[in-house]
PDB file of N, CA and C in Angstrom:
ATOM      1  N   MET A   1       0.616 -12.692  -5.859  1.00  0.00           N
ATOM      2  CA  MET A   1       0.280 -12.370  -5.934  1.00  0.00           C
ATOM      3  C   MET A   1       0.360 -10.732  -5.567  1.00  0.00           C
ATOM      4  N   PRO A   2       0.655  -9.456  -5.650  1.00  0.00           N
ATOM      5  CA  PRO A   2       1.370  -8.638  -4.894  1.00  0.00           C
ATOM      6  C   PRO A   2       0.132  -7.414  -5.824  1.00  0.00           C
ATOM      7  N   THR A   3      -0.487  -5.780  -5.277  1.00  0.00           N
ATOM      8  CA  THR A   3      -1.196  -5.590  -5.187  1.00  0.00           C
ATOM      9  C   THR A   3       0.181  -4.338  -5.572  1.00  0.00           C
ATOM     10  N   THR A   4       0.294  -3.944  -7.430  1.00  0.00           N
ATOM     11  CA  THR A   4       0.885  -2.660  -7.164  1.00  0.00           C
ATOM     12  C   THR A   4       0.593  -1.374  -7.122  1.00  0.00           C
ATOM     13  N   VAL A   5       1.061  -0.810  -6.592  1.00  0.00           N
ATOM     14  CA  VAL A   5       0.312   0.814  -6.841  1.00  0.00           C
ATOM     15  C   VAL A   5       1.106   1.907  -7.359  1.00  0.00           C
ATOM     16  N   SER A   6       1.105   2.964  -8.601  1.00  0.00           N
ATOM     17  CA  SER A   6       2.587   4.048  -8.301  1.00  0.00           C
ATOM     18  C   SER A   6       1.310   4.129  -9.024  1.00  0.00           C
ATOM     19  N   GLY A   7       2.101   5.161  -9.693  1.00  0.00           N
ATOM     20  CA  GLY A   7       0.983   7.341 -10.077  1.00  0.00           C
ATOM     21  C   GLY A   7       2.367   7.736  -8.688  1.00  0.00           C
ATOM     22  N   PHE A   8       3.483   7.675  -8.418  1.00  0.00           N
ATOM     23  CA  PHE A   8       3.862   8.562  -7.381  1.00  0.00           C
ATOM     24  C   PHE A   8       4.461   8.810  -8.220  1.00  0.00           C
ATOM     25  N   GLN A   9       5.739   8.613  -9.940  1.00  0.00           N
ATOM     26  CA  GLN A   9       6.266   9.273  -9.408  1.00  0.00           C
ATOM     27  C   GLN A   9       5.470  10.622 -10.993  1.00  0.00           C
ATOM     28  N   ALA A  10       5.021   9.819 -12.057  1.00  0.00           N
ATOM     29  CA  ALA A  10       4.328  11.061 -12.444  1.00  0.00           C
ATOM     30  C   ALA A  10       3.737  12.181 -11.198  1.00  0.00           C
ATOM     31  N   LEU A  11       3.176  12.054  -9.865  1.00  0.00           N
ATOM     32  CA  LEU A  11       2.589  12.818  -8.864  1.00  0.00           C
ATOM     33  C   LEU A  11       3.521  13.975  -8.481  1.00  0.00           C
ATOM     34  N   ALA A  12       5.374  12.895  -7.986  1.00  0.00           N
ATOM     35  CA  ALA A  12       6.516  13.749  -8.020  1.00  0.00           C
ATOM     36  C   ALA A  12       6.302  14.418  -8.686  1.00  0.00           C
ATOM     37  N   ARG A  13       7.154  14.028  -9.925  1.00  0.00           N
ATOM     38  CA  ARG A  13       7.652  15.185 -11.420  1.00  0.00           C
ATOM     39  C   ARG A  13       6.378  16.283 -11.812  1.00  0.00           C
ATOM     40  N   SER A  14       5.351  16.577 -10.866  1.00  0.00           N
ATOM     41  CA  SER A  14       3.834  17.215 -11.347  1.00  0.00           C
ATOM     42  C   SER A  14       4.337  18.367 -10.568  1.00  0.00           C
ATOM     43  N   LEU A  15       4.390  17.829  -9.434  1.00  0.00           N
ATOM     44  CA  LEU A  15       4.880  18.362  -8.407  1.00  0.00           C
ATOM     45  C   LEU A  15       6.235  18.948  -7.389  1.00  0.00           C
ATOM     46  N   SER A  16       7.040  18.526  -9.142  1.00  0.00           N
ATOM     47  CA  SER A  16       8.603  19.301  -9.359  1.00  0.00           C
ATOM     48  C   SER A  16       9.321  19.655  -7.797  1.00  0.00           C
ATOM     49  N   GLY A  17       9.630  19.182  -7.400  1.00  0.00           N
ATOM     50  CA  GLY A  17      10.235  19.492  -5.408  1.00  0.00           C
ATOM     51  C   GLY A  17       9.495  18.871  -4.476  1.00  0.00           C
ATOM     52  N   LEU A  18       8.407  18.995  -4.700  1.00  0.00           N
ATOM     53  CA  LEU A  18       7.946  18.706  -2.994  1.00  0.00           C
ATOM     54  C   LEU A  18       8.055  17.085  -3.460  1.00  0.00           C
ATOM     55  N   ALA A  19       8.124  16.444  -4.184  1.00  0.00           N
ATOM     56  CA  ALA A  19       8.207  14.716  -3.340  1.00  0.00           C
ATOM     57  C   ALA A  19       9.412  14.411  -3.139  1.00  0.00           C
ATOM     58  N   GLU A  20      10.210  15.818  -2.617  1.00  0.00           N
ATOM     59  CA  GLU A  20      11.325  14.516  -1.913  1.00  0.00           C
ATOM     60  C   GLU A  20      11.835  15.500  -1.158  1.00  0.00           C
ATOM     61  N   GLY A  21      10.754  15.931  -0.273  1.00  0.00           N
ATOM     62  CA  GLY A  21      10.518  16.336   0.827  1.00  0.00           C
ATOM     63  C   GLY A  21       9.796  15.410   1.681  1.00  0.00           C
ATOM     64  N   PRO A  22      10.211  15.292   3.223  1.00  0.00           N
ATOM     65  CA  PRO A  22      10.593  14.018   3.804  1.00  0.00           C
ATOM     66  C   PRO A  22       8.868  13.489   3.625  1.00  0.00           C
ATOM     67  N   GLY A  23       8.006  14.220   3.903  1.00  0.00           N
ATOM     68  CA  GLY A  23       6.671  13.937   4.260  1.00  0.00           C
ATOM     69  C   GLY A  23       5.537  13.142   3.376  1.00  0.00           C
ATOM     70  N   LEU A  24       6.263  13.287   1.564  1.00  0.00           N
ATOM     71  CA  LEU A  24       5.354  12.344   0.895  1.00  0.00           C
ATOM     72  C   LEU A  24       6.472  11.303   0.937  1.00  0.00           C
ATOM     73  N   GLU A  25       7.691  10.887   1.295  1.00  0.00           N
ATOM     74  CA  GLU A  25       8.602   9.604   1.117  1.00  0.00           C
ATOM     75  C   GLU A  25       6.846   8.773   1.775  1.00  0.00           C
ATOM     76  N   ARG A  26       6.976   9.836   4.004  1.00  0.00           N
ATOM     77  CA  ARG A  26       6.535   8.921   4.903  1.00  0.00           C
ATOM     78  C   ARG A  26       5.656   8.513   4.572  1.00  0.00           C
ATOM     79  N   ALA A  27       4.345   8.989   4.253  1.00  0.00           N
ATOM     80  CA  ALA A  27       3.201   8.876   3.757  1.00  0.00           C
ATOM     81  C   ALA A  27       3.119   7.687   2.476  1.00  0.00           C
ATOM     82  N   ARG A  28       3.728   7.453   1.944  1.00  0.00           N
ATOM     83  CA  ARG A  28       4.068   6.051   1.454  1.00  0.00           C
ATOM     84  C   ARG A  28       4.288   4.949   1.937  1.00  0.00           C
ATOM     85  N   ARG A  29       5.240   4.967   2.146  1.00  0.00           N
ATOM     86  CA  ARG A  29       5.950   4.326   3.809  1.00  0.00           C
ATOM     87  C   ARG A  29       4.553   4.232   4.258  1.00  0.00           C
ATOM     88  N   GLU A  30       3.414   4.629   5.191  1.00  0.00           N
ATOM     89  CA  GLU A  30       2.120   4.127   5.792  1.00  0.00           C
ATOM     90  C   GLU A  30       1.560   3.520   4.868  1.00  0.00           C
ATOM     91  N   ALA A  31       1.921   4.190   3.748  1.00  0.00           N
ATOM     92  CA  ALA A  31       0.282   3.827   2.636  1.00  0.00           C
ATOM     93  C   ALA A  31       0.004   2.201   3.242  1.00  0.00           C
ATOM     94  N   ALA A  32       1.646   1.656   2.266  1.00  0.00           N
ATOM     95  CA  ALA A  32       2.062   1.081   2.291  1.00  0.00           C
ATOM     96  C   ALA A  32       1.884   0.074   3.693  1.00  0.00           C
ATOM     97  N   GLU A  33       1.899  -0.306   4.455  1.00  0.00           N
ATOM     98  CA  GLU A  33       1.616  -0.465   6.357  1.00  0.00           C
ATOM     99  C   GLU A  33       0.802  -0.005   6.207  1.00  0.00           C
ATOM    100  N   ARG A  34      -0.225   0.513   6.129  1.00  0.00           N
ATOM    101  CA  ARG A  34      -2.042   0.180   5.799  1.00  0.00           C
ATOM    102  C   ARG A  34      -2.553  -0.449   5.622  1.00  0.00           C
ATOM    103  N   ILE A  35      -1.687  -0.887   4.178  1.00  0.00           N
ATOM    104  CA  ILE A  35      -2.340  -1.862   3.358  1.00  0.00           C
ATOM    105  C   ILE A  35      -1.827  -3.368   3.873  1.00  0.00           C
ATOM    106  N   LEU A  36      -1.025  -3.261   3.796  1.00  0.00           N
ATOM    107  CA  LEU A  36      -0.019  -4.896   4.628  1.00  0.00           C
ATOM    108  C   LEU A  36      -0.684  -5.362   6.243  1.00  0.00           C
ATOM    109  N   GLU A  37      -0.767  -3.960   7.031  1.00  0.00           N
ATOM    110  CA  GLU A  37      -2.144  -4.360   7.870  1.00  0.00           C
ATOM    111  C   GLU A  37      -2.939  -5.132   7.696  1.00  0.00           C
ATOM    112  N   ARG A  38      -4.419  -4.517   6.578  1.00  0.00           N
ATOM    113  CA  ARG A  38      -5.637  -4.546   6.822  1.00  0.00           C
ATOM    114  C   ARG A  38      -5.498  -5.946   6.460  1.00  0.00           C
ATOM    115  N   ALA A  39      -3.926  -6.073   4.888  1.00  0.00           N
ATOM    116  CA  ALA A  39      -4.272  -8.040   4.665  1.00  0.00           C
ATOM    117  C   ALA A  39      -4.276  -8.579   5.497  1.00  0.00           C
ATOM    118  N   ARG A  40      -2.621  -8.495   6.409  1.00  0.00           N
ATOM    119  CA  ARG A  40      -2.670  -9.320   7.289  1.00  0.00           C
ATOM    120  C   ARG A  40      -4.363 -10.050   8.052  1.00  0.00           C
ATOM    121  N   ARG A  41      -5.111  -9.174   8.910  1.00  0.00           N
ATOM    122  CA  ARG A  41      -6.037  -8.999   9.391  1.00  0.00           C
ATOM    123  C   ARG A  41      -6.492  -9.667   8.688  1.00  0.00           C
ATOM    124  N   SER A  42      -6.616  -9.545   7.326  1.00  0.00           N
ATOM    125  CA  SER A  42      -7.953  -9.545   6.584  1.00  0.00           C
ATOM    126  C   SER A  42      -7.444 -11.596   6.906  1.00  0.00           C
ATOM    127  N   LEU A  43      -6.467 -11.795   6.135  1.00  0.00           N
ATOM    128  CA  LEU A  43      -6.712 -12.963   6.059  1.00  0.00           C
ATOM    129  C   LEU A  43      -5.648 -13.741   7.670  1.00  0.00           C
ATOM    130  N   ARG A  44      -5.652 -13.227   8.282  1.00  0.00           N
ATOM    131  CA  ARG A  44      -6.395 -14.141  10.012  1.00  0.00           C
ATOM    132  C   ARG A  44      -7.878 -14.384  10.331  1.00  0.00           C
ATOM    133  N   ALA A  45      -8.837 -13.245   9.504  1.00  0.00           N
ATOM    134  CA  ALA A  45      -9.717 -13.299  10.239  1.00  0.00           C
ATOM    135  C   ALA A  45     -10.032 -13.858   8.873  1.00  0.00           C
ATOM    136  N   ILE A  46     -10.038 -14.799   8.180  1.00  0.00           N
ATOM    137  CA  ILE A  46     -10.665 -16.497   7.122  1.00  0.00           C
ATOM    138  C   ILE A  46     -10.270 -17.126   7.537  1.00  0.00           C
ATOM    139  N   GLY A  47      -9.893 -17.658   9.417  1.00  0.00           N
ATOM    140  CA  GLY A  47      -8.968 -18.489  10.173  1.00  0.00           C
ATOM    141  C   GLY A  47      -8.234 -19.697   9.426  1.00  0.00           C
ATOM    142  N   SER A  48      -7.460 -20.568   8.763  1.00  0.00           N
ATOM    143  CA  SER A  48      -7.114 -21.356   7.568  1.00  0.00           C
ATOM    144  C   SER A  48      -5.698 -21.748   8.169  1.00  0.00           C
ATOM    145  N   GLU A  49      -4.996 -22.241   8.166  1.00  0.00           N
ATOM    146  CA  GLU A  49      -3.691 -22.587   7.699  1.00  0.00           C
ATOM    147  C   GLU A  49      -3.649 -21.878   7.649  1.00  0.00           C
ATOM    148  N   GLU A  50      -4.075 -22.701   6.031  1.00  0.00           N
ATOM    149  CA  GLU A  50      -3.949 -21.799   5.007  1.00  0.00           C
ATOM    150  C   GLU A  50      -3.749 -20.410   4.554  1.00  0.00           C
ATOM    151  N   ALA A  51      -4.776 -19.542   5.462  1.00  0.00           N
ATOM    152  CA  ALA A  51      -3.811 -17.951   5.447  1.00  0.00           C
ATOM    153  C   ALA A  51      -3.129 -17.798   6.453  1.00  0.00           C
ATOM    154  N   GLU A  52      -3.056 -18.405   7.401  1.00  0.00           N
ATOM    155  CA  GLU A  52      -2.136 -18.366   8.704  1.00  0.00           C
ATOM    156  C   GLU A  52      -0.707 -17.695   7.701  1.00  0.00           C
ATOM    157  N   ARG A  53      -0.614 -19.259   6.682  1.00  0.00           N
ATOM    158  CA  ARG A  53       0.136 -19.068   6.515  1.00  0.00           C
ATOM    159  C   ARG A  53       1.175 -17.711   5.097  1.00  0.00           C
ATOM    160  N   ILE A  54      -0.265 -17.908   4.954  1.00  0.00           N
ATOM    161  CA  ILE A  54      -0.009 -16.532   2.876  1.00  0.00           C
ATOM    162  C   ILE A  54      -0.233 -15.550   4.509  1.00  0.00           C
ATOM    163  N   ALA A  55      -0.562 -15.113   4.791  1.00  0.00           N
ATOM    164  CA  ALA A  55      -0.050 -13.494   5.882  1.00  0.00           C
ATOM    165  C   ALA A  55       0.888 -13.803   6.216  1.00  0.00           C
ATOM    166  N   ALA A  56       1.473 -14.499   7.080  1.00  0.00           N
ATOM    167  CA  ALA A  56       3.281 -15.213   7.525  1.00  0.00           C
ATOM    168  C   ALA A  56       4.195 -14.814   6.291  1.00  0.00           C
ATOM    169  N   SER A  57       3.659 -14.755   4.758  1.00  0.00           N
ATOM    170  CA  SER A  57       4.431 -14.475   3.419  1.00  0.00           C
ATOM    171  C   SER A  57       4.380 -12.681   3.465  1.00  0.00           C
ATOM    172  N   LEU A  58       3.072 -12.493   3.706  1.00  0.00           N
ATOM    173  CA  LEU A  58       3.517 -10.630   2.659  1.00  0.00           C
ATOM    174  C   LEU A  58       4.446 -10.077   3.273  1.00  0.00           C
ATOM    175  N   GLN A  59       5.105  -9.461   2.134  1.00  0.00           N
ATOM    176  CA  GLN A  59       6.003  -8.330   1.827  1.00  0.00           C
ATOM    177  C   GLN A  59       6.061  -6.877   1.569  1.00  0.00           C
ATOM    178  N   LEU A  60       6.366  -6.569   1.517  1.00  0.00           N
ATOM    179  CA  LEU A  60       5.967  -4.863   1.400  1.00  0.00           C
ATOM    180  C   LEU A  60       7.978  -4.243   0.764  1.00  0.00           C
ATOM    181  N   VAL A  61       7.195  -4.331  -0.765  1.00  0.00           N
ATOM    182  CA  VAL A  61       8.057  -3.576  -0.878  1.00  0.00           C
ATOM    183  C   VAL A  61       7.701  -2.626  -1.796  1.00  0.00           C
ATOM    184  N   LEU A  62       9.352  -0.882  -1.499  1.00  0.00           N
ATOM    185  CA  LEU A  62       9.511   0.449  -1.767  1.00  0.00           C
ATOM    186  C   LEU A  62       9.833   0.310  -2.867  1.00  0.00           C
ATOM    187  N   ARG A  63       9.613   0.342  -4.178  1.00  0.00           N
ATOM    188  CA  ARG A  63      10.426   0.076  -5.075  1.00  0.00           C
ATOM    189  C   ARG A  63      11.179   2.127  -5.081  1.00  0.00           C
ATOM    190  N   PRO A  64      12.995   1.968  -6.390  1.00  0.00           N
ATOM    191  CA  PRO A  64      13.161   3.632  -6.559  1.00  0.00           C
ATOM    192  C   PRO A  64      11.748   4.315  -7.202  1.00  0.00           C
ATOM    193  N   ASP A  65      11.385   3.509  -8.247  1.00  0.00           N
ATOM    194  CA  ASP A  65       9.825   4.667  -8.840  1.00  0.00           C
ATOM    195  C   ASP A  65       9.521   6.187  -7.924  1.00  0.00           C
ATOM    196  N   GLY A  66       9.273   5.152  -7.309  1.00  0.00           N
ATOM    197  CA  GLY A  66       8.321   5.397  -6.325  1.00  0.00           C
ATOM    198  C   GLY A  66       7.595   4.352  -5.785  1.00  0.00           C
ATOM    199  N   SER A  67       7.019   3.368  -6.893  1.00  0.00           N
ATOM    200  CA  SER A  67       5.540   2.719  -6.760  1.00  0.00           C
ATOM    201  C   SER A  67       5.967   1.366  -5.642  1.00  0.00           C
ATOM    202  N   LEU A  68       5.177   1.002  -5.077  1.00  0.00           N
ATOM    203  CA  LEU A  68       5.072   0.566  -4.204  1.00  0.00           C
ATOM    204  C   LEU A  68       3.550  -1.299  -4.347  1.00  0.00           C
ATOM    205  N   GLU A  69       4.882  -2.301  -3.742  1.00  0.00           N
ATOM    206  CA  GLU A  69       4.388  -2.997  -3.838  1.00  0.00           C
ATOM    207  C   GLU A  69       3.900  -4.121  -1.760  1.00  0.00           C
ATOM    208  N   VAL A  70       2.776  -4.376  -2.535  1.00  0.00           N
ATOM    209  CA  VAL A  70       2.331  -5.463  -1.298  1.00  0.00           C
ATOM    210  C   VAL A  70       1.572  -6.758  -1.746  1.00  0.00           C
ATOM    211  N   GLY A  71       2.423  -7.558  -0.749  1.00  0.00           N
ATOM    212  CA  GLY A  71       1.607  -8.896  -1.845  1.00  0.00           C
ATOM    213  C   GLY A  71       2.379 -10.183  -0.947  1.00  0.00           C
ATOM    214  N   THR A  72       2.269 -11.875  -1.882  1.00  0.00           N
ATOM    215  CA  THR A  72       2.362 -12.401  -1.442  1.00  0.00           C
ATOM    216  C   THR A  72       3.082 -13.161  -3.235  1.00  0.00           C
ATOM    217  N   ALA A  73       4.452 -14.137  -2.797  1.00  0.00           N
ATOM    218  CA  ALA A  73       4.557 -14.605  -3.775  1.00  0.00           C
ATOM    219  C   ALA A  73       3.773 -16.084  -3.799  1.00  0.00           C
ATOM    220  N   ASP A  74       3.416 -16.527  -3.050  1.00  0.00           N
ATOM    221  CA  ASP A  74       2.904 -17.290  -2.135  1.00  0.00           C
ATOM    222  C   ASP A  74       0.698 -17.120  -3.582  1.00  0.00           C
ATOM    223  N   ALA A  75       1.324 -18.830  -4.366  1.00  0.00           N
ATOM    224  CA  ALA A  75       0.616 -18.559  -4.997  1.00  0.00           C
ATOM    225  C   ALA A  75      -0.890 -19.290  -4.685  1.00  0.00           C
ATOM    226  N   ASP A  76      -0.961 -19.371  -3.937  1.00  0.00           N
ATOM    227  CA  ASP A  76      -2.260 -19.721  -2.827  1.00  0.00           C
ATOM    228  C   ASP A  76      -2.323 -18.411  -2.436  1.00  0.00           C
ATOM    229  N   GLY A  77      -2.143 -17.282  -1.870  1.00  0.00           N
ATOM    230  CA  GLY A  77      -2.426 -16.117  -1.517  1.00  0.00           C
ATOM    231  C   GLY A  77      -3.256 -15.669  -3.197  1.00  0.00           C
ATOM    232  N   THR A  78      -3.335 -15.731  -3.971  1.00  0.00           N
ATOM    233  CA  THR A  78      -3.840 -15.718  -5.570  1.00  0.00           C
ATOM    234  C   THR A  78      -5.087 -16.941  -6.005  1.00  0.00           C
ATOM    235  N   ALA A  79      -5.186 -18.117  -4.860  1.00  0.00           N
ATOM    236  CA  ALA A  79      -5.899 -18.201  -5.107  1.00  0.00           C
ATOM    237  C   ALA A  79      -6.862 -18.238  -4.386  1.00  0.00           C
ATOM    238  N   LEU A  80      -6.461 -17.844  -3.086  1.00  0.00           N
ATOM    239  CA  LEU A  80      -7.700 -17.894  -1.594  1.00  0.00           C
ATOM    240  C   LEU A  80      -8.204 -16.443  -2.226  1.00  0.00           C
ATOM    241  N   GLU A  81      -7.595 -15.348  -2.555  1.00  0.00           N
ATOM    242  CA  GLU A  81      -8.309 -14.000  -3.753  1.00  0.00           C
ATOM    243  C   GLU A  81      -9.202 -14.010  -4.172  1.00  0.00           C
ATOM    244  N   LEU A  82      -8.846 -15.017  -4.920  1.00  0.00           N
ATOM    245  CA  LEU A  82      -8.974 -14.552  -6.662  1.00  0.00           C
ATOM    246  C   LEU A  82     -10.792 -16.059  -6.966  1.00  0.00           C
ATOM    247  N   GLY A  83     -10.871 -17.215  -5.852  1.00  0.00           N
ATOM    248  CA  GLY A  83     -10.994 -18.771  -5.813  1.00  0.00           C
ATOM    249  C   GLY A  83     -10.689 -19.293  -6.675  1.00  0.00           C
ATOM    250  N   GLY A  84     -12.038 -20.569  -6.918  1.00  0.00           N
ATOM    251  CA  GLY A  84     -11.212 -21.763  -7.311  1.00  0.00           C
ATOM    252  C   GLY A  84     -12.091 -22.599  -8.275  1.00  0.00           C
ATOM    253  N   LEU A  85     -11.481 -23.293  -8.975  1.00  0.00           N
ATOM    254  CA  LEU A  85     -13.069 -24.823  -9.222  1.00  0.00           C
ATOM    255  C   LEU A  85     -13.985 -24.384  -7.940  1.00  0.00           C
ATOM    256  N   ASP A  86     -13.025 -24.785  -6.958  1.00  0.00           N
ATOM    257  CA  ASP A  86     -13.347 -25.673  -5.802  1.00  0.00           C
ATOM    258  C   ASP A  86     -13.663 -25.379  -4.886  1.00  0.00           C
ATOM    259  N   HIS A  87     -13.783 -23.775  -4.594  1.00  0.00           N
ATOM    260  CA  HIS A  87     -14.084 -22.824  -4.304  1.00  0.00           C
ATOM    261  C   HIS A  87     -13.917 -21.682  -3.990  1.00  0.00           C
ATOM    262  N   ALA A  88     -14.974 -21.041  -3.405  1.00  0.00           N
ATOM    263  CA  ALA A  88     -15.165 -18.924  -3.441  1.00  0.00           C
ATOM    264  C   ALA A  88     -13.847 -18.858  -2.860  1.00  0.00           C
ATOM    265  N   ALA A  89     -13.782 -17.756  -3.956  1.00  0.00           N
ATOM    266  CA  ALA A  89     -12.936 -17.209  -3.238  1.00  0.00           C
ATOM    267  C   ALA A  89     -13.123 -16.256  -1.887  1.00  0.00           C
ATOM    268  N   SER A  90     -12.091 -15.713  -1.434  1.00  0.00           N
ATOM    269  CA  SER A  90     -12.368 -14.641  -0.021  1.00  0.00           C
ATOM    270  C   SER A  90     -11.086 -14.179  -0.460  1.00  0.00           C
ATOM    271  N   PRO A  91     -12.020 -12.656  -0.822  1.00  0.00           N
ATOM    272  CA  PRO A  91     -10.819 -11.968  -1.233  1.00  0.00           C
ATOM    273  C   PRO A  91     -10.238 -10.563   0.025  1.00  0.00           C
ATOM    274  N   TRP A  92      -9.598 -10.794  -0.011  1.00  0.00           N
ATOM    275  CA  TRP A  92      -8.059  -9.722   1.696  1.00  0.00           C
ATOM    276  C   TRP A  92      -7.215  -8.965   0.646  1.00  0.00           C
ATOM    277  N   LEU A  93      -6.911  -9.243  -0.669  1.00  0.00           N
ATOM    278  CA  LEU A  93      -5.952  -7.715  -1.188  1.00  0.00           C
ATOM    279  C   LEU A  93      -6.270  -6.704  -1.042  1.00  0.00           C
ATOM    280  N   GLN A  94      -7.263  -6.617  -2.238  1.00  0.00           N
ATOM    281  CA  GLN A  94      -8.074  -6.288  -2.938  1.00  0.00           C
ATOM    282  C   GLN A  94      -9.096  -5.033  -1.606  1.00  0.00           C
ATOM    283  N   PRO A  95     -10.114  -5.494  -0.988  1.00  0.00           N
ATOM    284  CA  PRO A  95     -10.865  -5.199   0.326  1.00  0.00           C
ATOM    285  C   PRO A  95      -9.834  -4.140   0.978  1.00  0.00           C
ATOM    286  N   ALA A  96      -8.498  -5.187   1.820  1.00  0.00           N
ATOM    287  CA  ALA A  96      -7.260  -4.240   2.835  1.00  0.00           C
ATOM    288  C   ALA A  96      -7.144  -2.062   1.078  1.00  0.00           C
ATOM    289  N   PHE A  97      -6.490  -3.235   0.146  1.00  0.00           N
ATOM    290  CA  PHE A  97      -6.491  -1.970  -0.273  1.00  0.00           C
ATOM    291  C   PHE A  97      -7.308   0.075  -0.525  1.00  0.00           C
ATOM    292  N   GLU A  98      -8.402  -1.415  -0.264  1.00  0.00           N
ATOM    293  CA  GLU A  98      -9.686  -0.444  -0.889  1.00  0.00           C
ATOM    294  C   GLU A  98     -10.467   0.605   0.388  1.00  0.00           C
ATOM    295  N   GLN A  99      -9.884  -0.115   0.923  1.00  0.00           N
ATOM    296  CA  GLN A  99     -10.146   0.157   2.764  1.00  0.00           C
ATOM    297  C   GLN A  99      -9.170   1.476   3.332  1.00  0.00           C
ATOM    298  N   SER A 100      -8.364   1.105   3.144  1.00  0.00           N
ATOM    299  CA  SER A 100      -6.859   1.741   2.921  1.00  0.00           C
ATOM    300  C   SER A 100      -7.185   3.331   2.289  1.00  0.00           C
ATOM    301  N   LEU A 101      -7.903   3.147   0.763  1.00  0.00           N
ATOM    302  CA  LEU A 101      -7.650   4.010   0.338  1.00  0.00           C
ATOM    303  C   LEU A 101      -8.166   6.058   0.754  1.00  0.00           C
ATOM    304  N   PRO A 102      -8.410   5.697   1.787  1.00  0.00           N
ATOM    305  CA  PRO A 102      -9.565   7.119   2.150  1.00  0.00           C
ATOM    306  C   PRO A 102      -8.212   7.459   3.297  1.00  0.00           C
ATOM    307  N   GLU A 103      -7.203   7.257   3.570  1.00  0.00           N
ATOM    308  CA  GLU A 103      -6.958   7.446   4.837  1.00  0.00           C
ATOM    309  C   GLU A 103      -4.472   7.924   3.737  1.00  0.00           C
ATOM    310  N   ILE A 104      -4.840   6.518   2.687  1.00  0.00           N
ATOM    311  CA  ILE A 104      -3.620   6.908   1.807  1.00  0.00           C
ATOM    312  C   ILE A 104      -3.603   8.382   1.735  1.00  0.00           C
ATOM    313  N   ARG A 105      -5.228   8.682   0.776  1.00  0.00           N
ATOM    314  CA  ARG A 105      -5.250  10.497   0.593  1.00  0.00           C
ATOM    315  C   ARG A 105      -5.444  11.116   0.638  1.00  0.00           C
ATOM    316  N   GLN A 106      -5.697  11.170   2.341  1.00  0.00           N
ATOM    317  CA  GLN A 106      -5.087  12.228   3.834  1.00  0.00           C
ATOM    318  C   GLN A 106      -3.891  12.617   4.043  1.00  0.00           C
ATOM    319  N   GLY A 107      -3.605  10.754   3.994  1.00  0.00           N
ATOM    320  CA  GLY A 107      -2.152  11.527   4.389  1.00  0.00           C
ATOM    321  C   GLY A 107      -1.051  11.686   3.506  1.00  0.00           C
ATOM    322  N   LEU A 108      -1.707  11.779   1.748  1.00  0.00           N
ATOM    323  CA  LEU A 108      -0.758  11.838   0.933  1.00  0.00           C
ATOM    324  C   LEU A 108      -0.948  13.367   0.442  1.00  0.00           C
ATOM    325  N   ARG A 109      -3.096  14.073   1.275  1.00  0.00           N
ATOM    326  CA  ARG A 109      -2.650  16.167   0.725  1.00  0.00           C
ATOM    327  C   ARG A 109      -1.444  16.298   1.733  1.00  0.00           C
ATOM    328  N   ARG A 110      -1.865  15.493   3.505  1.00  0.00           N
ATOM    329  CA  ARG A 110      -1.636  16.562   4.736  1.00  0.00           C
ATOM    330  C   ARG A 110      -0.399  16.303   4.510  1.00  0.00           C
ATOM    331  N   ALA A 111       1.011  15.717   4.029  1.00  0.00           N
ATOM    332  CA  ALA A 111       2.696  15.693   3.604  1.00  0.00           C
ATOM    333  C   ALA A 111       2.659  16.097   2.914  1.00  0.00           C
ATOM    334  N   LEU A 112       1.952  16.441   1.795  1.00  0.00           N
ATOM    335  CA  LEU A 112       2.215  17.613   0.663  1.00  0.00           C
ATOM    336  C   LEU A 112       1.982  18.713   0.752  1.00  0.00           C
ATOM    337  N   ILE A 113       0.779  19.008   1.789  1.00  0.00           N
ATOM    338  CA  ILE A 113       1.049  20.839   2.764  1.00  0.00           C
ATOM    339  C   ILE A 113       1.848  21.166   3.332  1.00  0.00           C
ATOM    340  N   GLN A 114       2.333  19.959   4.443  1.00  0.00           N
ATOM    341  CA  GLN A 114       3.615  20.453   5.256  1.00  0.00           C
ATOM    342  C   GLN A 114       4.846  20.544   3.891  1.00  0.00           C
ATOM    343  N   ASP A 115       4.888  19.777   3.481  1.00  0.00           N
ATOM    344  CA  ASP A 115       6.221  20.067   2.831  1.00  0.00           C
ATOM    345  C   ASP A 115       5.913  21.651   1.612  1.00  0.00           C
ATOM    346  N   LEU A 116       4.919  22.158   1.427  1.00  0.00           N
ATOM    347  CA  LEU A 116       4.708  23.203   1.067  1.00  0.00           C
ATOM    348  C   LEU A 116       5.335  24.231   1.968  1.00  0.00           C
ATOM    349  N   LYS A 117       4.858  23.767   2.657  1.00  0.00           N
ATOM    350  CA  LYS A 117       4.183  24.479   4.059  1.00  0.00           C
ATOM    351  C   LYS A 117       6.332  25.654   3.800  1.00  0.00           C
ATOM    352  N   THR A 118       7.284  23.966   4.158  1.00  0.00           N
ATOM    353  CA  THR A 118       8.631  24.390   4.472  1.00  0.00           C
ATOM    354  C   THR A 118       8.994  24.971   3.129  1.00  0.00           C
ATOM    355  N   LYS A 119       8.646  24.239   2.090  1.00  0.00           N
ATOM    356  CA  LYS A 119       9.618  24.558   0.799  1.00  0.00           C
ATOM    357  C   LYS A 119       9.251  25.883   1.287  1.00  0.00           C
ATOM    358  N   ASN A 120       8.376  26.922   1.460  1.00  0.00           N
ATOM    359  CA  ASN A 120       8.086  28.697   1.194  1.00  0.00           C
ATOM    360  C   ASN A 120       9.426  29.193   2.200  1.00  0.00           C
ATOM    361  N   GLU A 121       9.050  28.404   3.622  1.00  0.00           N
ATOM    362  CA  GLU A 121       9.409  28.841   4.619  1.00  0.00           C
ATOM    363  C   GLU A 121      10.944  28.958   3.657  1.00  0.00           C
ATOM    364  N   VAL A 122      11.326  28.637   3.407  1.00  0.00           N
ATOM    365  CA  VAL A 122      12.662  28.305   3.149  1.00  0.00           C
ATOM    366  C   VAL A 122      12.966  28.757   2.158  1.00  0.00           C
ATOM    367  N   ARG A 123      12.925  29.132   1.176  1.00  0.00           N
ATOM    368  CA  ARG A 123      12.553  30.742   0.533  1.00  0.00           C
ATOM    369  C   ARG A 123      12.361  31.666   0.562  1.00  0.00           C
ATOM    370  N   ARG A 124      11.816  31.939   2.118  1.00  0.00           N
ATOM    371  CA  ARG A 124      11.757  33.137   2.811  1.00  0.00           C
ATOM    372  C   ARG A 124      12.681  33.701   2.877  1.00  0.00           C
TER     373      ARG A 124
END
């Protein structure tokens, strides 16, 4: 059950040229790694063998279109996140994403400011 974060391509177009800077790419990778690490910690905190297996199966995919994906193809990941008829939900991915948002925003802001400064220095 992957969570897809999109919008990086639209941001890239609107800032024309800044998105090619190394800072934004680094911020995108750091964002994905934050979500991935928090998801693993959430799963391990559940303490079951199933949750450990899901944590080990988590993957990070950075797509050429600028989106990123963090999640697992393991169907038990979805069942654990959303719950089922025989068990309550134990959300692990959505909370990881939500907890990471402030840091993601801050990282993107810092990267864009740095890349803008670098771009302006090159123009001089």
